[in-house]
Amino acid sequence: MATEAEYRRALDTGAAFRRAVLSLRYDQSNDAVIFETPWGERTAGRRSIEPLRNVPPDMMRKAYVSAVGIHIDELDIDINSAGLLLVLFPDLRPELSNSF
């Protein structure tokens, strides 16, 4: 059984958690993924994201965001959103510390 202190610590940790990616959309004309984050909009070329490199445009429209990742169910793609942003945008490292 958890102690009161452990319970409080878990609540505090959960309260500090921030989703790294709030939403995303695919811009087919530029072959880019646009991430809406708590720190503003960020854009990356689809081909610069290794797990999405070979995903056809029609499948990119099926990508969605959960609390922890980016998913395309039909292709069994699950990407940790905080980890992805860290690789694509290293300047976000301080902000991402509460997103893992």
Protein backbone atom coordinates (compact mmCIF):
# COMPACT_ATOMS: atom_id res chain seq x y z
CA MET A 1 0.00 0.00 0.00
CA ALA A 2 1.27 3.48 -0.88
CA THR A 3 2.02 5.95 1.86
CA GLU A 4 0.43 9.38 2.01
CA ALA A 5 3.77 10.94 0.99
CA GLU A 6 4.04 8.65 -2.07
CA TYR A 7 0.48 9.49 -3.05
CA ARG A 8 1.14 13.24 -2.77
CA ARG A 9 4.40 12.93 -4.72
CA ALA A 10 2.58 11.09 -7.53
CA LEU A 11 -0.10 13.78 -7.65
CA ASP A 12 2.52 16.54 -7.78
CA THR A 13 4.38 14.76 -10.58
CA GLY A 14 1.18 14.32 -12.57
CA ALA A 15 0.23 17.96 -12.11
CA ALA A 16 3.61 19.06 -13.49
CA PHE A 17 3.29 16.85 -16.61
CA ARG A 18 2.73 18.75 -19.85
CA ARG A 19 1.81 17.18 -23.15
CA ALA A 20 4.60 17.78 -25.65
CA VAL A 21 2.33 17.75 -28.71
CA LEU A 22 -1.22 19.07 -28.41
CA SER A 23 -2.18 18.40 -32.03
CA LEU A 24 -0.63 17.88 -35.43
CA ARG A 25 -1.56 18.30 -39.03
CA TYR A 26 0.04 17.24 -42.26
CA ASP A 27 0.72 19.85 -44.93
CA GLN A 28 0.82 17.78 -48.10
CA SER A 29 1.84 20.68 -50.34
CA ASN A 30 5.09 21.08 -48.34
CA ASP A 31 5.33 17.44 -47.21
CA ALA A 32 5.62 18.73 -43.64
CA VAL A 33 4.21 17.88 -40.25
CA ILE A 34 3.06 20.83 -38.17
CA PHE A 35 3.11 20.25 -34.43
CA GLU A 36 1.09 22.41 -32.06
CA THR A 37 3.01 22.42 -28.78
CA PRO A 38 2.63 24.32 -25.51
CA TRP A 39 5.63 26.36 -26.74
CA GLY A 40 4.19 27.29 -30.11
CA GLU A 41 3.85 25.77 -33.52
CA ARG A 42 6.80 23.81 -34.89
CA THR A 43 7.19 22.41 -38.40
CA ALA A 44 9.36 19.55 -39.65
CA GLY A 45 9.66 17.91 -43.02
CA ARG A 46 7.98 14.49 -42.98
CA ARG A 47 11.10 12.84 -44.39
CA SER A 48 13.16 14.18 -41.47
CA ILE A 49 11.06 12.02 -39.12
CA GLU A 50 12.43 8.51 -39.62
CA PRO A 51 9.27 6.55 -38.63
CA LEU A 52 7.19 8.69 -41.04
CA ARG A 53 9.65 8.72 -43.92
CA ASN A 54 7.79 6.11 -45.99
CA VAL A 55 4.24 6.86 -44.88
CA PRO A 56 2.04 7.77 -47.86
CA PRO A 57 0.24 11.15 -47.70
CA ASP A 58 -3.20 9.54 -47.39
CA MET A 59 -2.00 7.72 -44.27
CA MET A 60 -0.51 10.89 -42.79
CA ARG A 61 -4.06 12.25 -42.56
CA LYS A 62 -4.81 9.39 -40.14
CA ALA A 63 -2.10 10.42 -37.68
CA TYR A 64 -3.37 11.47 -34.27
CA VAL A 65 -1.96 12.56 -30.94
CA SER A 66 -2.46 10.97 -27.53
CA ALA A 67 -1.17 12.20 -24.17
CA VAL A 68 2.23 10.61 -24.82
CA GLY A 69 2.59 9.94 -28.51
CA ILE A 70 1.83 10.23 -32.17
CA HIS A 71 0.06 7.29 -33.72
CA ILE A 72 -1.07 5.84 -37.03
CA ASP A 73 -2.98 2.73 -36.05
CA GLU A 74 -3.21 1.09 -39.47
CA LEU A 75 0.58 1.18 -39.83
CA ASP A 76 1.28 0.30 -36.19
CA ILE A 77 3.27 3.52 -35.72
CA ASP A 78 3.69 4.85 -32.19
CA ILE A 79 6.17 7.67 -31.59
CA ASN A 80 6.92 9.22 -28.22
CA SER A 81 6.07 12.87 -28.84
CA ALA A 82 8.46 14.38 -26.27
CA GLY A 83 11.34 12.27 -27.57
CA LEU A 84 10.53 13.22 -31.15
CA LEU A 85 10.44 16.93 -30.36
CA LEU A 86 13.73 16.62 -28.50
CA VAL A 87 15.39 15.13 -31.59
CA LEU A 88 13.79 17.59 -34.03
CA PHE A 89 14.01 20.72 -31.88
CA PRO A 90 16.86 20.47 -29.32
CA ASP A 91 16.18 24.05 -28.20
CA LEU A 92 13.06 22.71 -26.44
CA ARG A 93 15.12 20.51 -24.08
CA PRO A 94 14.43 22.62 -20.93
CA GLU A 95 10.72 22.80 -21.66
CA LEU A 96 10.45 19.08 -22.41
CA SER A 97 11.82 18.02 -19.03
CA ASN A 98 8.26 17.58 -17.65
CA SER A 99 6.91 15.85 -20.74
CA PHE A 100 8.49 12.41 -20.41
